[in-house]
Amino acid sequence: MTYIVNESCIRCKFMDCVEVCPVDCFYVGENMLVIHPDECIDCGVCEPECPAEAILPDSDERAAEWVEHNRKFAQSWPNITKKGEAPADAEEWKGKPDKMQYFSPEPGKG
């Protein structure tokens, strides 16, 4: 089992989850994070840290479509190990549905 990041992270990107990860399996895009599913050790410490509730175990039915999305972008985005600054309008985006239309495939700054 692994954990994944879903579309709730898009344009929020709070990054509270990053510093608690014991294996540094988060990767950063321009407007969201992903977890490399092959590196995640299923400890679950990241899940309660996410203010946007964007982290789910892959056993959750809402996570199924996101496993490959996380894997794909974890292979091309830079690894991130320290919490960065969330976007200025992150709170405004928190909890908004249907954010995939705002997803950027561009890498962030690691």
PDB file of N, CA and C in Angstrom:
ATOM      1  N   MET A   1       0.837  -1.184   0.000  1.00  0.00           N
ATOM      2  CA  MET A   1       0.000   0.000   0.000  1.00  0.00           C
ATOM      3  C   MET A   1       0.881   1.246   0.000  1.00  0.00           C
ATOM      4  N   THR A   2       0.320   2.315  -0.479  1.00  0.00           N
ATOM      5  CA  THR A   2       1.017   3.592  -0.533  1.00  0.00           C
ATOM      6  C   THR A   2       0.000   4.706  -0.304  1.00  0.00           C
ATOM      7  N   TYR A   3       0.487   5.885  -0.173  1.00  0.00           N
ATOM      8  CA  TYR A   3      -0.369   7.069  -0.088  1.00  0.00           C
ATOM      9  C   TYR A   3      -0.199   7.858  -1.370  1.00  0.00           C
ATOM     10  N   ILE A   4      -1.205   8.625  -1.717  1.00  0.00           N
ATOM     11  CA  ILE A   4      -1.155   9.454  -2.918  1.00  0.00           C
ATOM     12  C   ILE A   4      -1.697  10.844  -2.590  1.00  0.00           C
ATOM     13  N   VAL A   5      -1.415  11.781  -3.486  1.00  0.00           N
ATOM     14  CA  VAL A   5      -1.954  13.138  -3.387  1.00  0.00           C
ATOM     15  C   VAL A   5      -2.983  13.266  -4.506  1.00  0.00           C
ATOM     16  N   ASN A   6      -4.155  13.805  -4.185  1.00  0.00           N
ATOM     17  CA  ASN A   6      -5.186  13.960  -5.217  1.00  0.00           C
ATOM     18  C   ASN A   6      -5.384  15.439  -5.571  1.00  0.00           C
ATOM     19  N   GLU A   7      -6.402  15.713  -6.367  1.00  0.00           N
ATOM     20  CA  GLU A   7      -6.598  17.063  -6.903  1.00  0.00           C
ATOM     21  C   GLU A   7      -6.892  18.127  -5.848  1.00  0.00           C
ATOM     22  N   SER A   8      -7.198  17.721  -4.630  1.00  0.00           N
ATOM     23  CA  SER A   8      -7.437  18.713  -3.574  1.00  0.00           C
ATOM     24  C   SER A   8      -6.194  19.560  -3.298  1.00  0.00           C
ATOM     25  N   CYS A   9      -5.034  19.045  -3.676  1.00  0.00           N
ATOM     26  CA  CYS A   9      -3.778  19.779  -3.478  1.00  0.00           C
ATOM     27  C   CYS A   9      -3.577  20.888  -4.513  1.00  0.00           C
ATOM     28  N   ILE A  10      -4.186  20.741  -5.667  1.00  0.00           N
ATOM     29  CA  ILE A  10      -3.972  21.697  -6.753  1.00  0.00           C
ATOM     30  C   ILE A  10      -4.325  23.111  -6.300  1.00  0.00           C
ATOM     31  N   ARG A  11      -3.371  23.997  -6.479  1.00  0.00           N
ATOM     32  CA  ARG A  11      -3.448  25.423  -6.147  1.00  0.00           C
ATOM     33  C   ARG A  11      -3.491  25.708  -4.650  1.00  0.00           C
ATOM     34  N   CYS A  12      -3.438  24.657  -3.817  1.00  0.00           N
ATOM     35  CA  CYS A  12      -3.303  24.839  -2.364  1.00  0.00           C
ATOM     36  C   CYS A  12      -1.828  24.669  -2.006  1.00  0.00           C
ATOM     37  N   LYS A  13      -1.319  23.463  -2.267  1.00  0.00           N
ATOM     38  CA  LYS A  13       0.097  23.138  -2.082  1.00  0.00           C
ATOM     39  C   LYS A  13       0.649  23.692  -0.769  1.00  0.00           C
ATOM     40  N   PHE A  14       0.015  23.311   0.348  1.00  0.00           N
ATOM     41  CA  PHE A  14       0.438  23.793   1.664  1.00  0.00           C
ATOM     42  C   PHE A  14       1.803  23.265   2.099  1.00  0.00           C
ATOM     43  N   MET A  15       2.139  22.052   1.765  1.00  0.00           N
ATOM     44  CA  MET A  15       3.434  21.419   2.018  1.00  0.00           C
ATOM     45  C   MET A  15       3.714  21.058   3.469  1.00  0.00           C
ATOM     46  N   ASP A  16       2.714  21.073   4.343  1.00  0.00           N
ATOM     47  CA  ASP A  16       2.915  20.652   5.733  1.00  0.00           C
ATOM     48  C   ASP A  16       3.365  19.189   5.801  1.00  0.00           C
ATOM     49  N   CYS A  17       2.948  18.419   4.828  1.00  0.00           N
ATOM     50  CA  CYS A  17       3.217  16.981   4.764  1.00  0.00           C
ATOM     51  C   CYS A  17       4.686  16.656   4.511  1.00  0.00           C
ATOM     52  N   VAL A  18       5.381  17.513   3.834  1.00  0.00           N
ATOM     53  CA  VAL A  18       6.730  17.235   3.347  1.00  0.00           C
ATOM     54  C   VAL A  18       7.719  16.942   4.472  1.00  0.00           C
ATOM     55  N   GLU A  19       7.730  17.773   5.490  1.00  0.00           N
ATOM     56  CA  GLU A  19       8.746  17.630   6.530  1.00  0.00           C
ATOM     57  C   GLU A  19       8.544  16.431   7.450  1.00  0.00           C
ATOM     58  N   VAL A  20       7.348  15.867   7.498  1.00  0.00           N
ATOM     59  CA  VAL A  20       7.125  14.711   8.368  1.00  0.00           C
ATOM     60  C   VAL A  20       7.439  13.392   7.672  1.00  0.00           C
ATOM     61  N   CYS A  21       7.649  13.415   6.374  1.00  0.00           N
ATOM     62  CA  CYS A  21       7.902  12.190   5.616  1.00  0.00           C
ATOM     63  C   CYS A  21       9.295  11.630   5.949  1.00  0.00           C
ATOM     64  N   PRO A  22       9.353  10.413   6.496  1.00  0.00           N
ATOM     65  CA  PRO A  22      10.658   9.852   6.869  1.00  0.00           C
ATOM     66  C   PRO A  22      11.487   9.344   5.688  1.00  0.00           C
ATOM     67  N   VAL A  23      10.879   9.214   4.510  1.00  0.00           N
ATOM     68  CA  VAL A  23      11.619   8.703   3.354  1.00  0.00           C
ATOM     69  C   VAL A  23      11.713   9.697   2.199  1.00  0.00           C
ATOM     70  N   ASP A  24      11.291  10.927   2.428  1.00  0.00           N
ATOM     71  CA  ASP A  24      11.413  11.986   1.418  1.00  0.00           C
ATOM     72  C   ASP A  24      10.861  11.576   0.056  1.00  0.00           C
ATOM     73  N   CYS A  25       9.591  11.130   0.035  1.00  0.00           N
ATOM     74  CA  CYS A  25       9.004  10.657  -1.219  1.00  0.00           C
ATOM     75  C   CYS A  25       8.043  11.658  -1.864  1.00  0.00           C
ATOM     76  N   PHE A  26       8.144  12.939  -1.466  1.00  0.00           N
ATOM     77  CA  PHE A  26       7.310  13.977  -2.088  1.00  0.00           C
ATOM     78  C   PHE A  26       8.071  14.658  -3.214  1.00  0.00           C
ATOM     79  N   TYR A  27       7.322  14.979  -4.259  1.00  0.00           N
ATOM     80  CA  TYR A  27       7.881  15.661  -5.427  1.00  0.00           C
ATOM     81  C   TYR A  27       6.997  16.864  -5.715  1.00  0.00           C
ATOM     82  N   VAL A  28       7.622  17.936  -6.184  1.00  0.00           N
ATOM     83  CA  VAL A  28       6.907  19.205  -6.290  1.00  0.00           C
ATOM     84  C   VAL A  28       6.707  19.659  -7.731  1.00  0.00           C
ATOM     85  N   GLY A  29       5.457  19.983  -8.014  1.00  0.00           N
ATOM     86  CA  GLY A  29       5.099  20.565  -9.292  1.00  0.00           C
ATOM     87  C   GLY A  29       4.805  22.039  -9.097  1.00  0.00           C
ATOM     88  N   GLU A  30       4.497  22.701 -10.169  1.00  0.00           N
ATOM     89  CA  GLU A  30       4.209  24.131 -10.118  1.00  0.00           C
ATOM     90  C   GLU A  30       3.061  24.443  -9.159  1.00  0.00           C
ATOM     91  N   ASN A  31       2.005  23.609  -9.158  1.00  0.00           N
ATOM     92  CA  ASN A  31       0.877  23.947  -8.287  1.00  0.00           C
ATOM     93  C   ASN A  31       0.310  22.777  -7.488  1.00  0.00           C
ATOM     94  N   MET A  32       1.084  21.689  -7.342  1.00  0.00           N
ATOM     95  CA  MET A  32       0.679  20.601  -6.456  1.00  0.00           C
ATOM     96  C   MET A  32       1.879  19.728  -6.125  1.00  0.00           C
ATOM     97  N   LEU A  33       1.712  18.855  -5.155  1.00  0.00           N
ATOM     98  CA  LEU A  33       2.720  17.872  -4.794  1.00  0.00           C
ATOM     99  C   LEU A  33       2.227  16.494  -5.220  1.00  0.00           C
ATOM    100  N   VAL A  34       3.148  15.551  -5.348  1.00  0.00           N
ATOM    101  CA  VAL A  34       2.795  14.149  -5.540  1.00  0.00           C
ATOM    102  C   VAL A  34       3.696  13.309  -4.639  1.00  0.00           C
ATOM    103  N   ILE A  35       3.261  12.088  -4.388  1.00  0.00           N
ATOM    104  CA  ILE A  35       4.041  11.108  -3.626  1.00  0.00           C
ATOM    105  C   ILE A  35       4.472  10.024  -4.603  1.00  0.00           C
ATOM    106  N   HIS A  36       5.752   9.665  -4.564  1.00  0.00           N
ATOM    107  CA  HIS A  36       6.199   8.555  -5.419  1.00  0.00           C
ATOM    108  C   HIS A  36       5.696   7.261  -4.779  1.00  0.00           C
ATOM    109  N   PRO A  37       4.756   6.569  -5.414  1.00  0.00           N
ATOM    110  CA  PRO A  37       4.163   5.387  -4.789  1.00  0.00           C
ATOM    111  C   PRO A  37       5.142   4.234  -4.567  1.00  0.00           C
ATOM    112  N   ASP A  38       6.239   4.199  -5.296  1.00  0.00           N
ATOM    113  CA  ASP A  38       7.220   3.135  -5.106  1.00  0.00           C
ATOM    114  C   ASP A  38       8.205   3.454  -3.988  1.00  0.00           C
ATOM    115  N   GLU A  39       8.199   4.681  -3.505  1.00  0.00           N
ATOM    116  CA  GLU A  39       9.094   5.084  -2.421  1.00  0.00           C
ATOM    117  C   GLU A  39       8.363   5.196  -1.084  1.00  0.00           C
ATOM    118  N   CYS A  40       7.070   5.422  -1.123  1.00  0.00           N
ATOM    119  CA  CYS A  40       6.267   5.567   0.085  1.00  0.00           C
ATOM    120  C   CYS A  40       6.299   4.265   0.887  1.00  0.00           C
ATOM    121  N   ILE A  41       6.493   4.368   2.201  1.00  0.00           N
ATOM    122  CA  ILE A  41       6.549   3.172   3.051  1.00  0.00           C
ATOM    123  C   ILE A  41       5.242   2.957   3.818  1.00  0.00           C
ATOM    124  N   ASP A  42       4.210   3.694   3.443  1.00  0.00           N
ATOM    125  CA  ASP A  42       2.889   3.498   4.027  1.00  0.00           C
ATOM    126  C   ASP A  42       2.838   3.774   5.527  1.00  0.00           C
ATOM    127  N   CYS A  43       3.606   4.729   5.991  1.00  0.00           N
ATOM    128  CA  CYS A  43       3.592   5.037   7.429  1.00  0.00           C
ATOM    129  C   CYS A  43       2.388   5.890   7.802  1.00  0.00           C
ATOM    130  N   GLY A  44       1.894   6.692   6.852  1.00  0.00           N
ATOM    131  CA  GLY A  44       0.695   7.486   7.081  1.00  0.00           C
ATOM    132  C   GLY A  44       0.870   8.777   7.848  1.00  0.00           C
ATOM    133  N   VAL A  45       2.092   9.162   8.187  1.00  0.00           N
ATOM    134  CA  VAL A  45       2.262  10.382   8.982  1.00  0.00           C
ATOM    135  C   VAL A  45       1.923  11.650   8.203  1.00  0.00           C
ATOM    136  N   CYS A  46       1.950  11.581   6.890  1.00  0.00           N
ATOM    137  CA  CYS A  46       1.658  12.754   6.071  1.00  0.00           C
ATOM    138  C   CYS A  46       0.163  13.071   6.011  1.00  0.00           C
ATOM    139  N   GLU A  47      -0.659  12.051   6.044  1.00  0.00           N
ATOM    140  CA  GLU A  47      -2.101  12.231   5.837  1.00  0.00           C
ATOM    141  C   GLU A  47      -2.728  13.253   6.789  1.00  0.00           C
ATOM    142  N   PRO A  48      -2.525  13.157   8.106  1.00  0.00           N
ATOM    143  CA  PRO A  48      -3.164  14.131   8.997  1.00  0.00           C
ATOM    144  C   PRO A  48      -2.548  15.530   8.938  1.00  0.00           C
ATOM    145  N   GLU A  49      -1.389  15.657   8.309  1.00  0.00           N
ATOM    146  CA  GLU A  49      -0.719  16.954   8.226  1.00  0.00           C
ATOM    147  C   GLU A  49      -1.272  17.841   7.119  1.00  0.00           C
ATOM    148  N   CYS A  50      -2.032  17.270   6.202  1.00  0.00           N
ATOM    149  CA  CYS A  50      -2.500  18.023   5.037  1.00  0.00           C
ATOM    150  C   CYS A  50      -3.765  18.817   5.348  1.00  0.00           C
ATOM    151  N   PRO A  51      -3.676  20.156   5.372  1.00  0.00           N
ATOM    152  CA  PRO A  51      -4.847  20.980   5.644  1.00  0.00           C
ATOM    153  C   PRO A  51      -5.936  20.859   4.574  1.00  0.00           C
ATOM    154  N   ALA A  52      -5.553  20.469   3.367  1.00  0.00           N
ATOM    155  CA  ALA A  52      -6.511  20.360   2.266  1.00  0.00           C
ATOM    156  C   ALA A  52      -7.121  18.951   2.171  1.00  0.00           C
ATOM    157  N   GLU A  53      -6.676  18.053   3.052  1.00  0.00           N
ATOM    158  CA  GLU A  53      -7.130  16.662   3.033  1.00  0.00           C
ATOM    159  C   GLU A  53      -6.943  16.029   1.650  1.00  0.00           C
ATOM    160  N   ALA A  54      -5.780  16.284   1.073  1.00  0.00           N
ATOM    161  CA  ALA A  54      -5.473  15.825  -0.283  1.00  0.00           C
ATOM    162  C   ALA A  54      -4.690  14.517  -0.318  1.00  0.00           C
ATOM    163  N   ILE A  55      -4.362  13.962   0.837  1.00  0.00           N
ATOM    164  CA  ILE A  55      -3.580  12.734   0.883  1.00  0.00           C
ATOM    165  C   ILE A  55      -4.477  11.584   1.323  1.00  0.00           C
ATOM    166  N   LEU A  56      -4.443  10.518   0.511  1.00  0.00           N
ATOM    167  CA  LEU A  56      -5.280   9.350   0.773  1.00  0.00           C
ATOM    168  C   LEU A  56      -4.464   8.074   0.612  1.00  0.00           C
ATOM    169  N   PRO A  57      -4.837   7.003   1.330  1.00  0.00           N
ATOM    170  CA  PRO A  57      -4.200   5.711   1.060  1.00  0.00           C
ATOM    171  C   PRO A  57      -4.701   5.189  -0.283  1.00  0.00           C
ATOM    172  N   ASP A  58      -3.880   4.445  -0.974  1.00  0.00           N
ATOM    173  CA  ASP A  58      -4.313   3.950  -2.283  1.00  0.00           C
ATOM    174  C   ASP A  58      -5.449   2.942  -2.186  1.00  0.00           C
ATOM    175  N   SER A  59      -5.749   2.484  -0.996  1.00  0.00           N
ATOM    176  CA  SER A  59      -6.875   1.567  -0.806  1.00  0.00           C
ATOM    177  C   SER A  59      -8.220   2.298  -0.806  1.00  0.00           C
ATOM    178  N   ASP A  60      -8.193   3.613  -0.702  1.00  0.00           N
ATOM    179  CA  ASP A  60      -9.413   4.421  -0.747  1.00  0.00           C
ATOM    180  C   ASP A  60      -9.879   4.484  -2.209  1.00  0.00           C
ATOM    181  N   GLU A  61     -11.151   4.229  -2.447  1.00  0.00           N
ATOM    182  CA  GLU A  61     -11.653   4.213  -3.830  1.00  0.00           C
ATOM    183  C   GLU A  61     -11.444   5.540  -4.546  1.00  0.00           C
ATOM    184  N   ARG A  62     -11.358   6.657  -3.801  1.00  0.00           N
ATOM    185  CA  ARG A  62     -11.131   7.965  -4.420  1.00  0.00           C
ATOM    186  C   ARG A  62      -9.688   8.135  -4.882  1.00  0.00           C
ATOM    187  N   ALA A  63      -8.807   7.221  -4.492  1.00  0.00           N
ATOM    188  CA  ALA A  63      -7.384   7.325  -4.820  1.00  0.00           C
ATOM    189  C   ALA A  63      -6.989   6.592  -6.090  1.00  0.00           C
ATOM    190  N   ALA A  64      -7.794   5.651  -6.526  1.00  0.00           N
ATOM    191  CA  ALA A  64      -7.413   4.764  -7.630  1.00  0.00           C
ATOM    192  C   ALA A  64      -6.864   5.494  -8.852  1.00  0.00           C
ATOM    193  N   GLU A  65      -7.551   6.510  -9.304  1.00  0.00           N
ATOM    194  CA  GLU A  65      -7.114   7.209 -10.517  1.00  0.00           C
ATOM    195  C   GLU A  65      -5.870   8.059 -10.299  1.00  0.00           C
ATOM    196  N   TRP A  66      -5.473   8.256  -9.051  1.00  0.00           N
ATOM    197  CA  TRP A  66      -4.361   9.146  -8.742  1.00  0.00           C
ATOM    198  C   TRP A  66      -3.021   8.443  -8.556  1.00  0.00           C
ATOM    199  N   VAL A  67      -3.018   7.128  -8.427  1.00  0.00           N
ATOM    200  CA  VAL A  67      -1.753   6.413  -8.221  1.00  0.00           C
ATOM    201  C   VAL A  67      -0.817   6.639  -9.404  1.00  0.00           C
ATOM    202  N   GLU A  68      -1.296   6.409 -10.615  1.00  0.00           N
ATOM    203  CA  GLU A  68      -0.445   6.589 -11.793  1.00  0.00           C
ATOM    204  C   GLU A  68      -0.087   8.051 -12.036  1.00  0.00           C
ATOM    205  N   HIS A  69      -0.995   8.955 -11.706  1.00  0.00           N
ATOM    206  CA  HIS A  69      -0.703  10.396 -11.818  1.00  0.00           C
ATOM    207  C   HIS A  69       0.479  10.735 -10.905  1.00  0.00           C
ATOM    208  N   ASN A  70       0.440  10.256  -9.665  1.00  0.00           N
ATOM    209  CA  ASN A  70       1.532  10.507  -8.726  1.00  0.00           C
ATOM    210  C   ASN A  70       2.833   9.893  -9.229  1.00  0.00           C
ATOM    211  N   ARG A  71       2.772   8.649  -9.701  1.00  0.00           N
ATOM    212  CA  ARG A  71       3.975   7.974 -10.198  1.00  0.00           C
ATOM    213  C   ARG A  71       4.581   8.731 -11.383  1.00  0.00           C
ATOM    214  N   LYS A  72       3.745   9.101 -12.332  1.00  0.00           N
ATOM    215  CA  LYS A  72       4.226   9.779 -13.540  1.00  0.00           C
ATOM    216  C   LYS A  72       4.963  11.078 -13.205  1.00  0.00           C
ATOM    217  N   PHE A  73       4.360  11.911 -12.378  1.00  0.00           N
ATOM    218  CA  PHE A  73       4.981  13.211 -12.121  1.00  0.00           C
ATOM    219  C   PHE A  73       6.114  13.129 -11.095  1.00  0.00           C
ATOM    220  N   ALA A  74       6.103  12.119 -10.238  1.00  0.00           N
ATOM    221  CA  ALA A  74       7.220  11.927  -9.305  1.00  0.00           C
ATOM    222  C   ALA A  74       8.497  11.590 -10.069  1.00  0.00           C
ATOM    223  N   GLN A  75       8.350  11.028 -11.262  1.00  0.00           N
ATOM    224  CA  GLN A  75       9.513  10.668 -12.065  1.00  0.00           C
ATOM    225  C   GLN A  75      10.124  11.859 -12.803  1.00  0.00           C
ATOM    226  N   SER A  76       9.385  12.967 -12.901  1.00  0.00           N
ATOM    227  CA  SER A  76       9.933  14.103 -13.648  1.00  0.00           C
ATOM    228  C   SER A  76      10.034  15.395 -12.828  1.00  0.00           C
ATOM    229  N   TRP A  77       9.373  15.458 -11.698  1.00  0.00           N
ATOM    230  CA  TRP A  77       9.441  16.655 -10.857  1.00  0.00           C
ATOM    231  C   TRP A  77      10.550  16.504  -9.822  1.00  0.00           C
ATOM    232  N   PRO A  78      11.068  17.634  -9.305  1.00  0.00           N
ATOM    233  CA  PRO A  78      12.123  17.556  -8.289  1.00  0.00           C
ATOM    234  C   PRO A  78      11.596  17.078  -6.932  1.00  0.00           C
ATOM    235  N   ASN A  79      12.453  16.371  -6.239  1.00  0.00           N
ATOM    236  CA  ASN A  79      12.152  15.922  -4.884  1.00  0.00           C
ATOM    237  C   ASN A  79      12.136  17.131  -3.952  1.00  0.00           C
ATOM    238  N   ILE A  80      11.264  17.097  -2.955  1.00  0.00           N
ATOM    239  CA  ILE A  80      11.181  18.185  -1.990  1.00  0.00           C
ATOM    240  C   ILE A  80      11.231  17.587  -0.584  1.00  0.00           C
ATOM    241  N   THR A  81      12.076  18.161   0.276  1.00  0.00           N
ATOM    242  CA  THR A  81      12.252  17.623   1.625  1.00  0.00           C
ATOM    243  C   THR A  81      11.973  18.644   2.719  1.00  0.00           C
ATOM    244  N   LYS A  82      11.809  19.886   2.337  1.00  0.00           N
ATOM    245  CA  LYS A  82      11.516  20.944   3.315  1.00  0.00           C
ATOM    246  C   LYS A  82      10.258  21.690   2.896  1.00  0.00           C
ATOM    247  N   LYS A  83       9.501  22.081   3.890  1.00  0.00           N
ATOM    248  CA  LYS A  83       8.269  22.818   3.624  1.00  0.00           C
ATOM    249  C   LYS A  83       8.600  24.164   2.994  1.00  0.00           C
ATOM    250  N   GLY A  84       7.959  24.437   1.887  1.00  0.00           N
ATOM    251  CA  GLY A  84       8.112  25.724   1.239  1.00  0.00           C
ATOM    252  C   GLY A  84       6.941  26.613   1.599  1.00  0.00           C
ATOM    253  N   GLU A  85       6.837  27.702   0.918  1.00  0.00           N
ATOM    254  CA  GLU A  85       5.741  28.639   1.171  1.00  0.00           C
ATOM    255  C   GLU A  85       4.562  28.307   0.265  1.00  0.00           C
ATOM    256  N   ALA A  86       3.403  28.180   0.881  1.00  0.00           N
ATOM    257  CA  ALA A  86       2.185  27.904   0.120  1.00  0.00           C
ATOM    258  C   ALA A  86       1.828  29.122  -0.727  1.00  0.00           C
ATOM    259  N   PRO A  87       1.097  28.920  -1.803  1.00  0.00           N
ATOM    260  CA  PRO A  87       0.660  30.067  -2.612  1.00  0.00           C
ATOM    261  C   PRO A  87      -0.150  31.053  -1.761  1.00  0.00           C
ATOM    262  N   ALA A  88      -0.060  32.313  -2.096  1.00  0.00           N
ATOM    263  CA  ALA A  88      -0.746  33.364  -1.330  1.00  0.00           C
ATOM    264  C   ALA A  88      -2.253  33.139  -1.257  1.00  0.00           C
ATOM    265  N   ASP A  89      -2.824  32.532  -2.285  1.00  0.00           N
ATOM    266  CA  ASP A  89      -4.270  32.318  -2.305  1.00  0.00           C
ATOM    267  C   ASP A  89      -4.664  30.875  -1.968  1.00  0.00           C
ATOM    268  N   ALA A  90      -3.783  30.138  -1.303  1.00  0.00           N
ATOM    269  CA  ALA A  90      -4.031  28.724  -0.991  1.00  0.00           C
ATOM    270  C   ALA A  90      -5.318  28.519  -0.195  1.00  0.00           C
ATOM    271  N   GLU A  91      -5.559  29.343   0.800  1.00  0.00           N
ATOM    272  CA  GLU A  91      -6.768  29.191   1.621  1.00  0.00           C
ATOM    273  C   GLU A  91      -8.044  29.356   0.791  1.00  0.00           C
ATOM    274  N   GLU A  92      -7.994  30.224  -0.200  1.00  0.00           N
ATOM    275  CA  GLU A  92      -9.156  30.432  -1.064  1.00  0.00           C
ATOM    276  C   GLU A  92      -9.461  29.188  -1.902  1.00  0.00           C
ATOM    277  N   TRP A  93      -8.435  28.411  -2.236  1.00  0.00           N
ATOM    278  CA  TRP A  93      -8.607  27.211  -3.064  1.00  0.00           C
ATOM    279  C   TRP A  93      -8.914  25.975  -2.244  1.00  0.00           C
ATOM    280  N   LYS A  94      -8.635  26.021  -0.961  1.00  0.00           N
ATOM    281  CA  LYS A  94      -8.858  24.869  -0.070  1.00  0.00           C
ATOM    282  C   LYS A  94     -10.335  24.464  -0.082  1.00  0.00           C
ATOM    283  N   GLY A  95     -10.587  23.201  -0.353  1.00  0.00           N
ATOM    284  CA  GLY A  95     -11.946  22.674  -0.335  1.00  0.00           C
ATOM    285  C   GLY A  95     -12.744  22.848  -1.615  1.00  0.00           C
ATOM    286  N   LYS A  96     -12.184  23.548  -2.602  1.00  0.00           N
ATOM    287  CA  LYS A  96     -12.911  23.708  -3.871  1.00  0.00           C
ATOM    288  C   LYS A  96     -12.869  22.395  -4.654  1.00  0.00           C
ATOM    289  N   PRO A  97     -13.985  22.007  -5.247  1.00  0.00           N
ATOM    290  CA  PRO A  97     -14.023  20.771  -6.029  1.00  0.00           C
ATOM    291  C   PRO A  97     -13.547  20.977  -7.467  1.00  0.00           C
ATOM    292  N   ASP A  98     -13.335  19.878  -8.145  1.00  0.00           N
ATOM    293  CA  ASP A  98     -13.044  19.887  -9.582  1.00  0.00           C
ATOM    294  C   ASP A  98     -11.880  20.798  -9.967  1.00  0.00           C
ATOM    295  N   LYS A  99     -10.745  20.587  -9.329  1.00  0.00           N
ATOM    296  CA  LYS A  99      -9.593  21.449  -9.591  1.00  0.00           C
ATOM    297  C   LYS A  99      -8.633  20.907 -10.650  1.00  0.00           C
ATOM    298  N   MET A 100      -8.896  19.732 -11.179  1.00  0.00           N
ATOM    299  CA  MET A 100      -7.989  19.147 -12.171  1.00  0.00           C
ATOM    300  C   MET A 100      -7.799  20.066 -13.373  1.00  0.00           C
ATOM    301  N   GLN A 101      -8.796  20.843 -13.714  1.00  0.00           N
ATOM    302  CA  GLN A 101      -8.682  21.763 -14.853  1.00  0.00           C
ATOM    303  C   GLN A 101      -7.587  22.811 -14.645  1.00  0.00           C
ATOM    304  N   TYR A 102      -7.158  22.998 -13.390  1.00  0.00           N
ATOM    305  CA  TYR A 102      -6.116  23.979 -13.074  1.00  0.00           C
ATOM    306  C   TYR A 102      -4.740  23.341 -12.909  1.00  0.00           C
ATOM    307  N   PHE A 103      -4.650  22.022 -13.058  1.00  0.00           N
ATOM    308  CA  PHE A 103      -3.394  21.309 -12.882  1.00  0.00           C
ATOM    309  C   PHE A 103      -2.343  21.766 -13.889  1.00  0.00           C
ATOM    310  N   SER A 104      -1.132  21.972 -13.385  1.00  0.00           N
ATOM    311  CA  SER A 104      -0.007  22.308 -14.253  1.00  0.00           C
ATOM    312  C   SER A 104       0.997  21.149 -14.221  1.00  0.00           C
ATOM    313  N   PRO A 105       1.394  20.634 -15.384  1.00  0.00           N
ATOM    314  CA  PRO A 105       2.401  19.560 -15.419  1.00  0.00           C
ATOM    315  C   PRO A 105       3.832  20.075 -15.240  1.00  0.00           C
ATOM    316  N   GLU A 106       3.982  21.378 -15.127  1.00  0.00           N
ATOM    317  CA  GLU A 106       5.318  21.972 -14.984  1.00  0.00           C
ATOM    318  C   GLU A 106       5.914  21.641 -13.623  1.00  0.00           C
ATOM    319  N   PRO A 107       7.220  21.422 -13.560  1.00  0.00           N
ATOM    320  CA  PRO A 107       7.861  21.148 -12.270  1.00  0.00           C
ATOM    321  C   PRO A 107       7.914  22.395 -11.398  1.00  0.00           C
ATOM    322  N   GLY A 108       7.967  22.153 -10.096  1.00  0.00           N
ATOM    323  CA  GLY A 108       8.141  23.249  -9.147  1.00  0.00           C
ATOM    324  C   GLY A 108       9.616  23.373  -8.798  1.00  0.00           C
ATOM    325  N   LYS A 109       9.873  24.075  -7.737  1.00  0.00           N
ATOM    326  CA  LYS A 109      11.256  24.251  -7.256  1.00  0.00           C
ATOM    327  C   LYS A 109      11.481  23.347  -6.055  1.00  0.00           C
ATOM    328  N   GLY A 110      12.460  22.446  -6.196  1.00  0.00           N
ATOM    329  CA  GLY A 110      12.766  21.483  -5.134  1.00  0.00           C
ATOM    330  C   GLY A 110      13.627  22.054  -4.058  1.00  0.00           C
TER     331      GLY A 110
END
